[in-house]
């Protein structure tokens, strides 16, 4: 195994570890948790704050200034 092969394998392992770490340590108000069973909006029939914020920012970026999401 050449040194370049070792570097590539180590880089792939590092990226994989960082991805798994990001998924495991996801914030409760992030998009990754909105669809999970522990989400209070999903269980209570409420709105997902992360999705509402995402739609608001997208509408602002496109200049419409109006969002179909309720605060």
PDB file of N, CA and C in Angstrom:
ATOM      1  N   UNK A   1       0.849  -1.171   0.000  1.00  0.00           N
ATOM      2  CA  UNK A   1       0.000   0.000   0.000  1.00  0.00           C
ATOM      3  C   UNK A   1       0.895   1.235   0.000  1.00  0.00           C
ATOM      4  N   UNK A   2       0.698   2.095  -0.975  1.00  0.00           N
ATOM      5  CA  UNK A   2       1.543   3.288  -1.099  1.00  0.00           C
ATOM      6  C   UNK A   2       1.077   4.376  -0.126  1.00  0.00           C
ATOM      7  N   UNK A   3       1.927   5.363   0.100  1.00  0.00           N
ATOM      8  CA  UNK A   3       1.560   6.445   1.025  1.00  0.00           C
ATOM      9  C   UNK A   3       0.300   7.200   0.577  1.00  0.00           C
ATOM     10  N   UNK A   4       0.100   7.349  -0.708  1.00  0.00           N
ATOM     11  CA  UNK A   4      -1.090   8.055  -1.189  1.00  0.00           C
ATOM     12  C   UNK A   4      -2.355   7.264  -0.872  1.00  0.00           C
ATOM     13  N   UNK A   5      -2.267   5.935  -0.939  1.00  0.00           N
ATOM     14  CA  UNK A   5      -3.410   5.093  -0.587  1.00  0.00           C
ATOM     15  C   UNK A   5      -3.770   5.267   0.885  1.00  0.00           C
ATOM     16  N   UNK A   6      -2.773   5.336   1.723  1.00  0.00           N
ATOM     17  CA  UNK A   6      -2.994   5.514   3.163  1.00  0.00           C
ATOM     18  C   UNK A   6      -3.651   6.872   3.417  1.00  0.00           C
ATOM     19  N   UNK A   7      -3.188   7.891   2.737  1.00  0.00           N
ATOM     20  CA  UNK A   7      -3.755   9.232   2.905  1.00  0.00           C
ATOM     21  C   UNK A   7      -5.216   9.252   2.470  1.00  0.00           C
ATOM     22  N   UNK A   8      -5.527   8.616   1.357  1.00  0.00           N
ATOM     23  CA  UNK A   8      -6.902   8.573   0.862  1.00  0.00           C
ATOM     24  C   UNK A   8      -7.804   7.819   1.837  1.00  0.00           C
ATOM     25  N   UNK A   9      -7.332   6.686   2.329  1.00  0.00           N
ATOM     26  CA  UNK A   9      -8.131   5.904   3.281  1.00  0.00           C
ATOM     27  C   UNK A   9      -8.363   6.698   4.559  1.00  0.00           C
ATOM     28  N   UNK A  10      -7.333   7.361   5.060  1.00  0.00           N
ATOM     29  CA  UNK A  10      -7.488   8.175   6.271  1.00  0.00           C
ATOM     30  C   UNK A  10      -8.452   9.339   6.046  1.00  0.00           C
ATOM     31  N   UNK A  11      -8.416   9.945   4.876  1.00  0.00           N
ATOM     32  CA  UNK A  11      -9.329  11.044   4.570  1.00  0.00           C
ATOM     33  C   UNK A  11     -10.772  10.556   4.524  1.00  0.00           C
ATOM     34  N   UNK A  12     -11.001   9.401   3.909  1.00  0.00           N
ATOM     35  CA  UNK A  12     -12.350   8.840   3.839  1.00  0.00           C
ATOM     36  C   UNK A  12     -12.858   8.499   5.237  1.00  0.00           C
ATOM     37  N   UNK A  13     -12.020   7.928   6.057  1.00  0.00           N
ATOM     38  CA  UNK A  13     -12.408   7.585   7.427  1.00  0.00           C
ATOM     39  C   UNK A  13     -12.728   8.859   8.212  1.00  0.00           C
ATOM     40  N   UNK A  14     -11.905   9.893   8.055  1.00  0.00           N
ATOM     41  CA  UNK A  14     -12.136  11.147   8.775  1.00  0.00           C
ATOM     42  C   UNK A  14     -13.466  11.784   8.368  1.00  0.00           C
ATOM     43  N   UNK A  15     -13.751  11.817   7.083  1.00  0.00           N
ATOM     44  CA  UNK A  15     -15.012  12.396   6.606  1.00  0.00           C
ATOM     45  C   UNK A  15     -16.205  11.592   7.117  1.00  0.00           C
ATOM     46  N   UNK A  16     -16.075  10.272   7.113  1.00  0.00           N
ATOM     47  CA  UNK A  16     -17.153   9.417   7.605  1.00  0.00           C
ATOM     48  C   UNK A  16     -17.415   9.673   9.085  1.00  0.00           C
ATOM     49  N   UNK A  17     -16.365   9.772   9.859  1.00  0.00           N
ATOM     50  CA  UNK A  17     -16.499  10.035  11.294  1.00  0.00           C
ATOM     51  C   UNK A  17     -17.162  11.389  11.529  1.00  0.00           C
ATOM     52  N   UNK A  18     -16.763  12.406  10.770  1.00  0.00           N
ATOM     53  CA  UNK A  18     -17.359  13.727  10.930  1.00  0.00           C
ATOM     54  C   UNK A  18     -18.840  13.734  10.541  1.00  0.00           C
ATOM     55  N   UNK A  19     -19.198  12.991   9.516  1.00  0.00           N
ATOM     56  CA  UNK A  19     -20.606  12.908   9.109  1.00  0.00           C
ATOM     57  C   UNK A  19     -21.446  12.220  10.178  1.00  0.00           C
ATOM     58  N   UNK A  20     -20.960  11.122  10.703  1.00  0.00           N
ATOM     59  CA  UNK A  20     -21.691  10.409  11.746  1.00  0.00           C
ATOM     60  C   UNK A  20     -21.815  11.285  12.984  1.00  0.00           C
ATOM     61  N   UNK A  21     -20.753  12.000  13.326  1.00  0.00           N
ATOM     62  CA  UNK A  21     -20.770  12.890  14.489  1.00  0.00           C
ATOM     63  C   UNK A  21     -21.805  13.997  14.299  1.00  0.00           C
ATOM     64  N   UNK A  22     -21.905  14.554  13.107  1.00  0.00           N
ATOM     65  CA  UNK A  22     -22.870  15.620  12.837  1.00  0.00           C
ATOM     66  C   UNK A  22     -24.305  15.116  12.955  1.00  0.00           C
ATOM     67  N   UNK A  23     -24.555  13.911  12.490  1.00  0.00           N
ATOM     68  CA  UNK A  23     -25.904  13.353  12.569  1.00  0.00           C
ATOM     69  C   UNK A  23     -26.270  13.050  14.015  1.00  0.00           C
ATOM     70  N   UNK A  24     -25.338  12.477  14.758  1.00  0.00           N
ATOM     71  CA  UNK A  24     -25.609  12.100  16.147  1.00  0.00           C
ATOM     72  C   UNK A  24     -25.796  13.326  17.027  1.00  0.00           C
ATOM     73  N   UNK A  25     -25.027  14.366  16.794  1.00  0.00           N
ATOM     74  CA  UNK A  25     -25.098  15.545  17.660  1.00  0.00           C
ATOM     75  C   UNK A  25     -25.980  16.635  17.081  1.00  0.00           C
ATOM     76  N   UNK A  26     -26.931  16.278  16.231  1.00  0.00           N
ATOM     77  CA  UNK A  26     -27.837  17.258  15.636  1.00  0.00           C
ATOM     78  C   UNK A  26     -28.638  17.988  16.692  1.00  0.00           C
ATOM     79  N   UNK A  27     -28.883  19.264  16.445  1.00  0.00           N
ATOM     80  CA  UNK A  27     -29.635  20.078  17.403  1.00  0.00           C
ATOM     81  C   UNK A  27     -31.116  19.728  17.336  1.00  0.00           C
ATOM     82  N   UNK A  28     -31.819  19.948  18.444  1.00  0.00           N
ATOM     83  CA  UNK A  28     -33.240  19.622  18.523  1.00  0.00           C
ATOM     84  C   UNK A  28     -34.082  20.511  17.615  1.00  0.00           C
ATOM     85  N   UNK A  29     -33.599  21.736  17.310  1.00  0.00           N
ATOM     86  CA  UNK A  29     -34.382  22.621  16.454  1.00  0.00           C
ATOM     87  C   UNK A  29     -33.925  22.574  15.001  1.00  0.00           C
ATOM     88  N   UNK A  30     -33.100  21.595  14.671  1.00  0.00           N
ATOM     89  CA  UNK A  30     -32.604  21.485  13.315  1.00  0.00           C
ATOM     90  C   UNK A  30     -33.508  20.666  12.420  1.00  0.00           C
ATOM     91  N   UNK A  31     -33.263  20.734  11.135  1.00  0.00           N
ATOM     92  CA  UNK A  31     -34.114  20.021  10.178  1.00  0.00           C
ATOM     93  C   UNK A  31     -34.013  18.511  10.331  1.00  0.00           C
ATOM     94  N   UNK A  32     -32.899  18.020  10.795  1.00  0.00           N
ATOM     95  CA  UNK A  32     -32.729  16.576  10.869  1.00  0.00           C
ATOM     96  C   UNK A  32     -33.650  15.931  11.904  1.00  0.00           C
ATOM     97  N   UNK A  33     -34.177  16.703  12.829  1.00  0.00           N
ATOM     98  CA  UNK A  33     -35.030  16.121  13.853  1.00  0.00           C
ATOM     99  C   UNK A  33     -36.518  16.363  13.628  1.00  0.00           C
ATOM    100  N   UNK A  34     -36.871  17.162  12.622  1.00  0.00           N
ATOM    101  CA  UNK A  34     -38.290  17.479  12.423  1.00  0.00           C
ATOM    102  C   UNK A  34     -39.107  16.251  12.061  1.00  0.00           C
ATOM    103  N   UNK A  35     -38.546  15.314  11.346  1.00  0.00           N
ATOM    104  CA  UNK A  35     -39.294  14.139  10.944  1.00  0.00           C
ATOM    105  C   UNK A  35     -39.234  12.998  11.931  1.00  0.00           C
ATOM    106  N   UNK A  36     -38.454  13.140  12.974  1.00  0.00           N
ATOM    107  CA  UNK A  36     -38.304  12.057  13.935  1.00  0.00           C
ATOM    108  C   UNK A  36     -39.503  11.992  14.879  1.00  0.00           C
ATOM    109  N   UNK A  37     -39.693  10.846  15.473  1.00  0.00           N
ATOM    110  CA  UNK A  37     -40.841  10.650  16.359  1.00  0.00           C
ATOM    111  C   UNK A  37     -40.760  11.497  17.618  1.00  0.00           C
ATOM    112  N   UNK A  38     -39.586  11.956  18.010  1.00  0.00           N
ATOM    113  CA  UNK A  38     -39.442  12.759  19.212  1.00  0.00           C
ATOM    114  C   UNK A  38     -39.744  14.228  19.011  1.00  0.00           C
ATOM    115  N   UNK A  39     -40.060  14.636  17.798  1.00  0.00           N
ATOM    116  CA  UNK A  39     -40.318  16.040  17.499  1.00  0.00           C
ATOM    117  C   UNK A  39     -41.661  16.446  18.081  1.00  0.00           C
ATOM    118  N   UNK A  40     -41.675  17.508  18.877  1.00  0.00           N
ATOM    119  CA  UNK A  40     -42.910  17.941  19.527  1.00  0.00           C
ATOM    120  C   UNK A  40     -43.929  18.441  18.508  1.00  0.00           C
ATOM    121  N   UNK A  41     -43.470  19.026  17.417  1.00  0.00           N
ATOM    122  CA  UNK A  41     -44.404  19.511  16.396  1.00  0.00           C
ATOM    123  C   UNK A  41     -45.109  18.345  15.719  1.00  0.00           C
ATOM    124  N   UNK A  42     -44.386  17.296  15.476  1.00  0.00           N
ATOM    125  CA  UNK A  42     -44.984  16.140  14.815  1.00  0.00           C
ATOM    126  C   UNK A  42     -45.980  15.447  15.743  1.00  0.00           C
ATOM    127  N   UNK A  43     -45.608  15.267  16.985  1.00  0.00           N
ATOM    128  CA  UNK A  43     -46.486  14.577  17.933  1.00  0.00           C
ATOM    129  C   UNK A  43     -47.698  15.411  18.305  1.00  0.00           C
ATOM    130  N   UNK A  44     -47.529  16.731  18.392  1.00  0.00           N
ATOM    131  CA  UNK A  44     -48.619  17.586  18.827  1.00  0.00           C
ATOM    132  C   UNK A  44     -49.405  18.210  17.695  1.00  0.00           C
ATOM    133  N   UNK A  45     -49.066  17.880  16.464  1.00  0.00           N
ATOM    134  CA  UNK A  45     -49.765  18.460  15.335  1.00  0.00           C
ATOM    135  C   UNK A  45     -49.390  19.912  15.088  1.00  0.00           C
ATOM    136  N   UNK A  46     -48.275  20.359  15.675  1.00  0.00           N
ATOM    137  CA  UNK A  46     -47.843  21.750  15.510  1.00  0.00           C
ATOM    138  C   UNK A  46     -47.015  21.956  14.256  1.00  0.00           C
ATOM    139  N   UNK A  47     -46.357  23.082  14.204  1.00  0.00           N
ATOM    140  CA  UNK A  47     -45.532  23.430  13.058  1.00  0.00           C
ATOM    141  C   UNK A  47     -44.068  23.183  13.375  1.00  0.00           C
ATOM    142  N   UNK A  48     -43.313  22.847  12.369  1.00  0.00           N
ATOM    143  CA  UNK A  48     -41.869  22.634  12.516  1.00  0.00           C
ATOM    144  C   UNK A  48     -41.177  23.984  12.397  1.00  0.00           C
ATOM    145  N   UNK A  49     -40.519  24.430  13.476  1.00  0.00           N
ATOM    146  CA  UNK A  49     -39.862  25.731  13.484  1.00  0.00           C
ATOM    147  C   UNK A  49     -38.748  25.803  12.453  1.00  0.00           C
ATOM    148  N   UNK A  50     -38.014  24.718  12.283  1.00  0.00           N
ATOM    149  CA  UNK A  50     -36.908  24.725  11.334  1.00  0.00           C
ATOM    150  C   UNK A  50     -37.410  24.882   9.907  1.00  0.00           C
ATOM    151  N   UNK A  51     -38.486  24.199   9.570  1.00  0.00           N
ATOM    152  CA  UNK A  51     -39.048  24.308   8.221  1.00  0.00           C
ATOM    153  C   UNK A  51     -39.641  25.696   7.998  1.00  0.00           C
ATOM    154  N   UNK A  52     -40.319  26.242   8.990  1.00  0.00           N
ATOM    155  CA  UNK A  52     -40.874  27.589   8.869  1.00  0.00           C
ATOM    156  C   UNK A  52     -39.768  28.612   8.646  1.00  0.00           C
ATOM    157  N   UNK A  53     -38.674  28.483   9.394  1.00  0.00           N
ATOM    158  CA  UNK A  53     -37.550  29.398   9.257  1.00  0.00           C
ATOM    159  C   UNK A  53     -36.906  29.251   7.880  1.00  0.00           C
ATOM    160  N   UNK A  54     -36.773  28.032   7.407  1.00  0.00           N
ATOM    161  CA  UNK A  54     -36.180  27.787   6.095  1.00  0.00           C
ATOM    162  C   UNK A  54     -37.025  28.448   5.001  1.00  0.00           C
ATOM    163  N   UNK A  55     -38.347  28.295   5.076  1.00  0.00           N
ATOM    164  CA  UNK A  55     -39.232  28.912   4.087  1.00  0.00           C
ATOM    165  C   UNK A  55     -39.189  30.432   4.157  1.00  0.00           C
ATOM    166  N   UNK A  56     -39.132  30.978   5.367  1.00  0.00           N
ATOM    167  CA  UNK A  56     -39.060  32.423   5.534  1.00  0.00           C
ATOM    168  C   UNK A  56     -37.786  32.980   4.904  1.00  0.00           C
ATOM    169  N   UNK A  57     -36.658  32.333   5.170  1.00  0.00           N
ATOM    170  CA  UNK A  57     -35.389  32.806   4.611  1.00  0.00           C
ATOM    171  C   UNK A  57     -35.344  32.655   3.094  1.00  0.00           C
ATOM    172  N   UNK A  58     -35.921  31.586   2.570  1.00  0.00           N
ATOM    173  CA  UNK A  58     -35.949  31.403   1.119  1.00  0.00           C
ATOM    174  C   UNK A  58     -36.795  32.483   0.457  1.00  0.00           C
ATOM    175  N   UNK A  59     -37.947  32.782   1.044  1.00  0.00           N
ATOM    176  CA  UNK A  59     -38.805  33.835   0.493  1.00  0.00           C
ATOM    177  C   UNK A  59     -38.124  35.194   0.552  1.00  0.00           C
ATOM    178  N   UNK A  60     -37.402  35.463   1.637  1.00  0.00           N
ATOM    179  CA  UNK A  60     -36.669  36.725   1.741  1.00  0.00           C
ATOM    180  C   UNK A  60     -35.560  36.794   0.697  1.00  0.00           C
ATOM    181  N   UNK A  61     -34.899  35.679   0.456  1.00  0.00           N
ATOM    182  CA  UNK A  61     -33.822  35.649  -0.524  1.00  0.00           C
ATOM    183  C   UNK A  61     -34.330  35.914  -1.938  1.00  0.00           C
ATOM    184  N   UNK A  62     -35.553  35.455  -2.220  1.00  0.00           N
ATOM    185  CA  UNK A  62     -36.141  35.676  -3.540  1.00  0.00           C
ATOM    186  C   UNK A  62     -36.851  37.012  -3.630  1.00  0.00           C
ATOM    187  N   UNK A  63     -36.912  37.753  -2.522  1.00  0.00           N
ATOM    188  CA  UNK A  63     -37.447  39.092  -2.547  1.00  0.00           C
ATOM    189  C   UNK A  63     -38.946  39.211  -2.380  1.00  0.00           C
ATOM    190  N   UNK A  64     -39.637  38.119  -2.172  1.00  0.00           N
ATOM    191  CA  UNK A  64     -41.087  38.219  -2.024  1.00  0.00           C
ATOM    192  C   UNK A  64     -41.466  38.806  -0.675  1.00  0.00           C
ATOM    193  N   UNK A  65     -40.658  38.516   0.337  1.00  0.00           N
ATOM    194  CA  UNK A  65     -40.911  39.067   1.663  1.00  0.00           C
ATOM    195  C   UNK A  65     -42.105  38.454   2.373  1.00  0.00           C
ATOM    196  N   UNK A  66     -42.880  37.622   1.689  1.00  0.00           N
ATOM    197  CA  UNK A  66     -44.030  36.996   2.303  1.00  0.00           C
ATOM    198  C   UNK A  66     -43.802  35.500   2.370  1.00  0.00           C
ATOM    199  N   UNK A  67     -44.301  34.905   3.413  1.00  0.00           N
ATOM    200  CA  UNK A  67     -44.126  33.475   3.607  1.00  0.00           C
ATOM    201  C   UNK A  67     -45.464  32.842   3.901  1.00  0.00           C
ATOM    202  N   UNK A  68     -45.628  31.624   3.404  1.00  0.00           N
ATOM    203  CA  UNK A  68     -46.859  30.894   3.715  1.00  0.00           C
ATOM    204  C   UNK A  68     -46.778  30.272   5.091  1.00  0.00           C
ATOM    205  N   UNK A  69     -45.591  30.296   5.685  1.00  0.00           N
ATOM    206  CA  UNK A  69     -45.401  29.726   7.019  1.00  0.00           C
ATOM    207  C   UNK A  69     -45.857  30.728   8.062  1.00  0.00           C
ATOM    208  N   UNK A  70     -46.574  30.266   9.032  1.00  0.00           N
ATOM    209  CA  UNK A  70     -47.037  31.124  10.119  1.00  0.00           C
ATOM    210  C   UNK A  70     -46.019  31.087  11.246  1.00  0.00           C
ATOM    211  N   UNK A  71     -45.730  32.229  11.859  1.00  0.00           N
ATOM    212  CA  UNK A  71     -44.732  32.261  12.951  1.00  0.00           C
ATOM    213  C   UNK A  71     -45.169  31.521  14.183  1.00  0.00           C
TER     214      UNK A  71
END
